[in-house]
């Protein structure tokens, strides 16, 4: 029997997911800096856009935007809300892409693994292009950290993997498909926001950072530069790029993340980039597989798409 307080049988009532169109609108408003510009980007009439944002704020039980004559800026709660909204919208895009491919039951299936940054920012584009080239191919995608992807390729659970780690073992075939830049990012209120000189590797190594979990390619790429064991104990260890971004924006500490993973937040001012001394940090995205050295079929097609 339900009570007046939304509890059924002693369990809290589940929270309804926000409307995805409203979330996309809110992210557009944050990106564009005003409700009108965000509504235009989404092709939504401004009165309807205002109602959608008001409904989001009512559901969140807190203001998400500071409205001024010159535009709208996210409140502190709105910054965190926007980060979670981006994560949910990305997941919805990935699900839509998977569903579109999976509907073709008679198509051959390619089992692929990808580490987090690659899966979030590159694989959806690759799969779209692969479907144009070979519309009969179905792809089953596993999103794991780099160490897990390599383990699954070794065990034969995956035909092909894409990893970010610089530590690719010699018992798998490897082919670099793309290059990536790692950036040092902070919250706008961090003390480093006022500095003008770059952060050196020694200072970076001595600073507690918000980092990804063990086995993450991003973390291993950082450790390869500063020296494994030389980095100060982390401020936080989190399991996804989105969680790291939210923690940094909330003031937990700096982080080193892929430029692809933070570009939207740099554009909106949720995060700031701090220059690194020297040539900066770069890494490779690598395709890995077992078996014959020469890939064939859909696996070869996907690698060709990835390095195009």
Protein backbone atom coordinates (compact mmCIF):
# COMPACT_ATOMS: atom_id res chain seq x y z
CA UNK A 1 0.00 0.00 0.00
CA UNK A 2 1.40 3.40 -0.96
CA UNK A 3 1.83 6.16 1.60
CA UNK A 4 1.44 9.89 1.09
CA UNK A 5 5.20 10.26 1.08
CA UNK A 6 5.84 8.31 -2.11
CA UNK A 7 6.98 5.11 -0.39
CA UNK A 8 5.56 1.78 -1.56
CA UNK A 9 6.25 -1.21 0.64
CA UNK A 10 9.09 0.60 2.38
CA UNK A 11 10.98 1.43 -0.85
CA UNK A 12 11.44 4.97 -2.25
CA UNK A 13 9.45 5.72 -5.40
CA UNK A 14 11.75 5.61 -8.47
CA UNK A 15 12.72 8.96 -9.97
CA UNK A 16 11.50 9.51 -13.55
CA UNK A 17 14.17 10.24 -16.15
CA UNK A 18 14.10 13.79 -17.53
CA UNK A 19 12.82 14.40 -21.05
CA UNK A 20 15.78 13.95 -23.43
CA UNK A 21 14.69 16.89 -25.62
CA UNK A 22 14.60 19.11 -22.53
CA UNK A 23 18.08 17.91 -21.49
CA UNK A 24 19.44 18.60 -24.98
CA UNK A 25 17.86 22.07 -24.83
CA UNK A 26 19.43 22.78 -21.43
CA UNK A 27 22.88 21.75 -22.72
CA UNK A 28 22.33 23.98 -25.78
CA UNK A 29 21.45 26.94 -23.52
CA UNK A 30 24.61 26.36 -21.46
CA UNK A 31 26.72 26.11 -24.64
CA UNK A 32 25.17 29.15 -26.37
CA UNK A 33 24.90 31.38 -23.30
CA UNK A 34 21.23 32.31 -23.63
CA UNK A 35 17.81 30.70 -23.71
CA UNK A 36 16.98 32.26 -27.08
CA UNK A 37 20.17 31.02 -28.75
CA UNK A 38 19.76 27.55 -27.25
CA UNK A 39 16.15 27.38 -28.42
CA UNK A 40 17.15 28.42 -31.94
CA UNK A 41 19.84 25.72 -32.05
CA UNK A 42 17.21 23.14 -31.08
CA UNK A 43 14.52 24.64 -33.40
CA UNK A 44 12.18 25.13 -30.42
CA UNK A 45 9.96 28.21 -29.99
CA UNK A 46 11.23 30.26 -27.06
CA UNK A 47 8.00 30.05 -24.96
CA UNK A 48 8.11 26.25 -25.25
CA UNK A 49 11.81 26.28 -24.43
CA UNK A 50 11.18 28.36 -21.33
CA UNK A 51 8.52 25.89 -20.16
CA UNK A 52 10.86 22.92 -20.71
CA UNK A 53 13.64 24.55 -18.68
CA UNK A 54 11.22 25.49 -15.91
CA UNK A 55 10.04 21.88 -15.76
CA UNK A 56 13.64 20.66 -15.44
CA UNK A 57 14.24 23.10 -12.60
CA UNK A 58 11.04 21.99 -10.86
CA UNK A 59 12.07 18.32 -11.15
CA UNK A 60 15.59 19.14 -9.90
CA UNK A 61 14.11 21.26 -7.06
CA UNK A 62 16.79 23.91 -7.59
CA UNK A 63 17.52 26.78 -10.03
CA UNK A 64 19.70 25.59 -12.90
CA UNK A 65 20.17 28.93 -14.70
CA UNK A 66 20.93 32.48 -13.61
CA UNK A 67 18.91 34.61 -16.05
CA UNK A 68 20.17 38.09 -16.95
CA UNK A 69 19.25 40.57 -19.69
CA UNK A 70 22.44 39.60 -21.54
CA UNK A 71 21.84 35.86 -21.34
CA UNK A 72 21.71 32.85 -19.04
CA UNK A 73 24.55 31.22 -17.11
CA UNK A 74 24.38 27.89 -15.28
CA UNK A 75 24.22 28.00 -11.50
CA UNK A 76 26.70 25.80 -9.58
CA UNK A 77 23.99 23.13 -9.47
CA UNK A 78 23.37 23.75 -13.17
CA UNK A 79 27.01 23.03 -14.01
CA UNK A 80 26.80 19.61 -12.36
CA UNK A 81 23.37 19.03 -13.96
CA UNK A 82 24.79 19.86 -17.39
CA UNK A 83 27.66 17.41 -16.94
CA UNK A 84 25.25 14.60 -16.05
CA UNK A 85 22.93 15.64 -18.91
CA UNK A 86 25.77 15.36 -21.43
CA UNK A 87 26.58 11.89 -20.12
CA UNK A 88 22.96 10.75 -20.44
CA UNK A 89 22.58 12.24 -23.92
CA UNK A 90 25.79 10.53 -25.06
CA UNK A 91 24.50 7.23 -23.70
CA UNK A 92 21.20 7.74 -25.53
CA UNK A 93 23.06 8.40 -28.79
CA UNK A 94 25.14 5.24 -28.29
CA UNK A 95 21.99 3.22 -27.55
CA UNK A 96 20.23 4.55 -30.65
CA UNK A 97 23.25 3.65 -32.79
CA UNK A 98 23.43 0.16 -31.28
CA UNK A 99 19.69 -0.41 -31.74
CA UNK A 100 19.81 0.67 -35.36
CA UNK A 101 22.60 -1.82 -36.07
CA UNK A 102 21.17 -4.63 -33.93
CA UNK A 103 17.79 -4.65 -35.73
CA UNK A 104 19.36 -6.45 -38.67
CA UNK A 105 19.31 -9.97 -37.18
CA UNK A 106 20.70 -11.66 -40.28
CA UNK A 107 23.84 -9.52 -40.52
CA UNK A 108 27.25 -10.90 -39.43
CA UNK A 109 28.34 -9.70 -36.00
CA UNK A 110 31.72 -8.11 -35.21
CA UNK A 111 32.59 -8.10 -31.51
CA UNK A 112 34.61 -4.98 -30.70
CA UNK A 113 35.95 -3.49 -27.46
CA UNK A 114 36.88 0.14 -26.91
CA UNK A 115 38.29 2.06 -23.98
CA UNK A 116 36.25 4.90 -22.54
CA UNK A 117 37.47 8.00 -24.42
CA UNK A 118 37.49 6.19 -27.76
CA UNK A 119 34.02 4.72 -27.14
CA UNK A 120 32.55 8.07 -26.12
CA UNK A 121 33.99 10.31 -28.82
CA UNK A 122 35.12 8.26 -31.81
CA UNK A 123 33.34 4.90 -32.07
CA UNK A 124 29.87 6.35 -32.86
CA UNK A 125 31.35 8.19 -35.86
CA UNK A 126 33.28 5.10 -36.95
CA UNK A 127 30.21 2.85 -36.74
CA UNK A 128 28.13 5.30 -38.76
CA UNK A 129 30.74 5.31 -41.52
CA UNK A 130 31.14 1.52 -41.32
CA UNK A 131 27.40 1.08 -41.80
CA UNK A 132 27.58 3.25 -44.95
CA UNK A 133 30.40 1.12 -46.35
CA UNK A 134 29.13 -2.32 -45.25
CA UNK A 135 25.44 -1.99 -44.31
CA UNK A 136 25.15 -5.73 -43.61
CA UNK A 137 27.53 -5.70 -40.64
CA UNK A 138 26.34 -5.76 -37.04
CA UNK A 139 28.74 -4.56 -34.35
CA UNK A 140 28.57 -5.65 -30.72
CA UNK A 141 30.50 -3.05 -28.69
CA UNK A 142 31.97 -3.56 -25.22
CA UNK A 143 33.11 -0.42 -23.38
CA UNK A 144 35.92 -1.26 -20.94
CA UNK A 145 39.20 0.20 -19.80
CA UNK A 146 42.28 -0.50 -21.91
CA UNK A 147 43.55 -3.38 -19.77
CA UNK A 148 40.20 -5.18 -19.95
CA UNK A 149 39.95 -4.69 -23.72
CA UNK A 150 43.39 -6.24 -24.22
CA UNK A 151 42.53 -9.16 -21.91
CA UNK A 152 39.31 -9.85 -23.87
CA UNK A 153 41.16 -9.70 -27.20
CA UNK A 154 43.75 -12.16 -25.87
CA UNK A 155 41.03 -14.52 -24.64
CA UNK A 156 39.19 -14.43 -27.98
CA UNK A 157 36.08 -12.77 -26.54
CA UNK A 158 36.65 -9.78 -28.84
CA UNK A 159 37.71 -9.86 -32.48
CA UNK A 160 39.09 -6.32 -32.30
CA UNK A 161 39.89 -3.73 -29.64
CA UNK A 162 40.75 -0.03 -29.52
CA UNK A 163 42.87 1.14 -26.58
CA UNK A 164 44.49 4.30 -25.23
CA UNK A 165 47.27 2.79 -23.15
CA UNK A 166 50.92 3.08 -24.25
CA UNK A 167 51.53 -0.40 -22.79
CA UNK A 168 50.42 -2.68 -25.65
CA UNK A 169 51.78 -6.22 -25.07
CA UNK A 170 53.78 -8.05 -27.72
CA UNK A 171 51.40 -11.04 -27.94
CA UNK A 172 48.72 -9.02 -29.78
CA UNK A 173 48.92 -7.28 -33.14
CA UNK A 174 48.74 -3.50 -32.93
CA UNK A 175 48.12 -0.65 -35.36
CA UNK A 176 47.95 3.06 -34.44
CA UNK A 177 44.77 4.63 -35.85
CA UNK A 178 44.76 8.13 -34.30
CA UNK A 179 46.65 10.54 -32.07
CA UNK A 180 45.30 12.31 -28.99
CA UNK A 181 46.29 15.22 -26.76
CA UNK A 182 45.99 15.09 -22.99
CA UNK A 183 45.12 18.34 -21.21
CA UNK A 184 45.50 19.52 -17.64
CA UNK A 185 42.14 20.98 -16.56
CA UNK A 186 40.89 22.74 -13.44
CA UNK A 187 37.76 24.37 -12.04
CA UNK A 188 37.44 28.12 -12.72
CA UNK A 189 37.89 28.85 -8.99
CA UNK A 190 41.08 26.76 -8.63
CA UNK A 191 44.21 28.75 -7.54
CA UNK A 192 45.93 27.83 -10.80
CA UNK A 193 43.32 29.82 -12.73
CA UNK A 194 45.32 33.00 -12.04
CA UNK A 195 48.75 31.67 -12.97
CA UNK A 196 50.48 32.64 -16.21
CA UNK A 197 53.38 30.17 -16.27
CA UNK A 198 52.95 26.54 -17.43
CA UNK A 199 52.91 23.64 -14.97
CA UNK A 200 56.09 21.55 -15.15
CA UNK A 201 56.19 17.77 -14.95
CA UNK A 202 57.70 17.82 -11.43
CA UNK A 203 54.95 20.08 -10.11
CA UNK A 204 52.32 17.97 -11.87
CA UNK A 205 53.74 14.79 -10.34
CA UNK A 206 53.66 16.38 -6.86
CA UNK A 207 50.00 17.43 -7.20
CA UNK A 208 47.14 15.16 -6.08
CA UNK A 209 44.97 14.73 -9.17
CA UNK A 210 41.51 13.38 -9.88
CA UNK A 211 42.31 10.26 -11.90
CA UNK A 212 40.69 7.32 -13.63
CA UNK A 213 40.86 3.79 -12.24
CA UNK A 214 43.82 1.38 -12.58
CA UNK A 215 43.89 -0.05 -16.09
CA UNK A 216 42.60 3.14 -17.68
CA UNK A 217 44.58 4.20 -20.74
CA UNK A 218 44.37 7.84 -19.71
CA UNK A 219 45.92 7.08 -16.34
CA UNK A 220 48.61 4.83 -17.83
CA UNK A 221 49.51 7.47 -20.42
CA UNK A 222 49.96 10.03 -17.63
CA UNK A 223 52.07 7.64 -15.56
CA UNK A 224 54.24 6.88 -18.59
CA UNK A 225 55.20 10.57 -18.76
CA UNK A 226 55.61 11.47 -15.09
CA UNK A 227 56.95 8.04 -14.08
CA UNK A 228 55.00 5.20 -12.51
CA UNK A 229 55.09 5.61 -8.73
CA UNK A 230 56.29 9.22 -9.02
CA UNK A 231 52.79 10.70 -9.02
CA UNK A 232 51.41 11.96 -5.70
CA UNK A 233 48.53 9.92 -4.22
CA UNK A 234 45.35 10.85 -6.11
CA UNK A 235 42.74 13.23 -4.76
CA UNK A 236 40.01 10.92 -6.13
CA UNK A 237 39.89 7.77 -8.26
CA UNK A 238 36.80 7.55 -10.50
CA UNK A 239 35.55 5.15 -13.14
CA UNK A 240 34.60 7.40 -16.06
CA UNK A 241 35.60 10.61 -17.83
CA UNK A 242 32.25 12.16 -16.95
CA UNK A 243 32.75 11.49 -13.24
CA UNK A 244 36.24 13.01 -13.39
CA UNK A 245 34.92 16.12 -15.16
CA UNK A 246 32.19 16.60 -12.56
CA UNK A 247 34.65 16.17 -9.68
CA UNK A 248 37.09 18.68 -11.19
CA UNK A 249 34.32 21.23 -11.82
CA UNK A 250 33.17 20.75 -8.21
CA UNK A 251 36.65 21.62 -6.89
CA UNK A 252 38.07 18.17 -6.07
CA UNK A 253 41.34 18.98 -7.82
CA UNK A 254 42.97 19.12 -11.27
CA UNK A 255 42.85 16.27 -13.76
CA UNK A 256 44.59 15.21 -16.95
CA UNK A 257 42.06 14.10 -19.59
CA UNK A 258 41.78 13.73 -23.33
CA UNK A 259 41.15 16.97 -25.22
CA UNK A 260 38.16 15.20 -26.78
CA UNK A 261 36.69 14.46 -23.34
CA UNK A 262 36.82 18.07 -22.09
CA UNK A 263 36.34 20.24 -25.19
CA UNK A 264 32.65 20.95 -24.53
CA UNK A 265 33.36 21.94 -20.93
CA UNK A 266 36.25 24.20 -22.01
CA UNK A 267 33.93 25.88 -24.52
CA UNK A 268 31.34 26.66 -21.82
CA UNK A 269 33.84 27.68 -19.14
CA UNK A 270 32.90 24.82 -16.80
CA UNK A 271 36.58 23.84 -16.91
CA UNK A 272 39.77 25.76 -17.67
CA UNK A 273 42.90 24.46 -19.37
CA UNK A 274 46.28 25.00 -17.70
CA UNK A 275 49.28 24.88 -20.07
CA UNK A 276 51.91 22.23 -19.46
CA UNK A 277 55.62 22.93 -19.85
CA UNK A 278 57.46 21.45 -22.80
CA UNK A 279 55.75 19.63 -25.63
CA UNK A 280 52.73 18.69 -23.54
CA UNK A 281 51.23 15.21 -23.35
CA UNK A 282 50.28 13.15 -26.39
CA UNK A 283 49.34 9.50 -26.85
CA UNK A 284 48.18 7.08 -29.52
CA UNK A 285 44.88 5.30 -30.02
CA UNK A 286 45.70 1.74 -31.08
CA UNK A 287 43.74 -1.11 -32.67
CA UNK A 288 44.67 -4.53 -31.23
CA UNK A 289 43.75 -8.05 -32.33
CA UNK A 290 44.85 -11.70 -32.20
CA UNK A 291 45.23 -14.26 -34.97
CA UNK A 292 46.54 -13.54 -38.47
CA UNK A 293 48.57 -10.38 -38.83
CA UNK A 294 46.44 -9.20 -41.76
CA UNK A 295 42.88 -8.29 -40.80
CA UNK A 296 40.06 -9.14 -43.18
CA UNK A 297 36.34 -8.51 -43.48
CA UNK A 298 34.46 -6.13 -41.19
CA UNK A 299 37.38 -5.87 -38.74
CA UNK A 300 39.67 -4.59 -41.51
CA UNK A 301 36.94 -2.22 -42.69
CA UNK A 302 36.51 -0.77 -39.19
CA UNK A 303 40.26 -0.20 -38.75
CA UNK A 304 40.37 1.52 -42.15
CA UNK A 305 37.49 3.78 -41.07
CA UNK A 306 39.22 4.57 -37.76
CA UNK A 307 42.45 5.75 -39.36
CA UNK A 308 40.83 7.64 -42.24
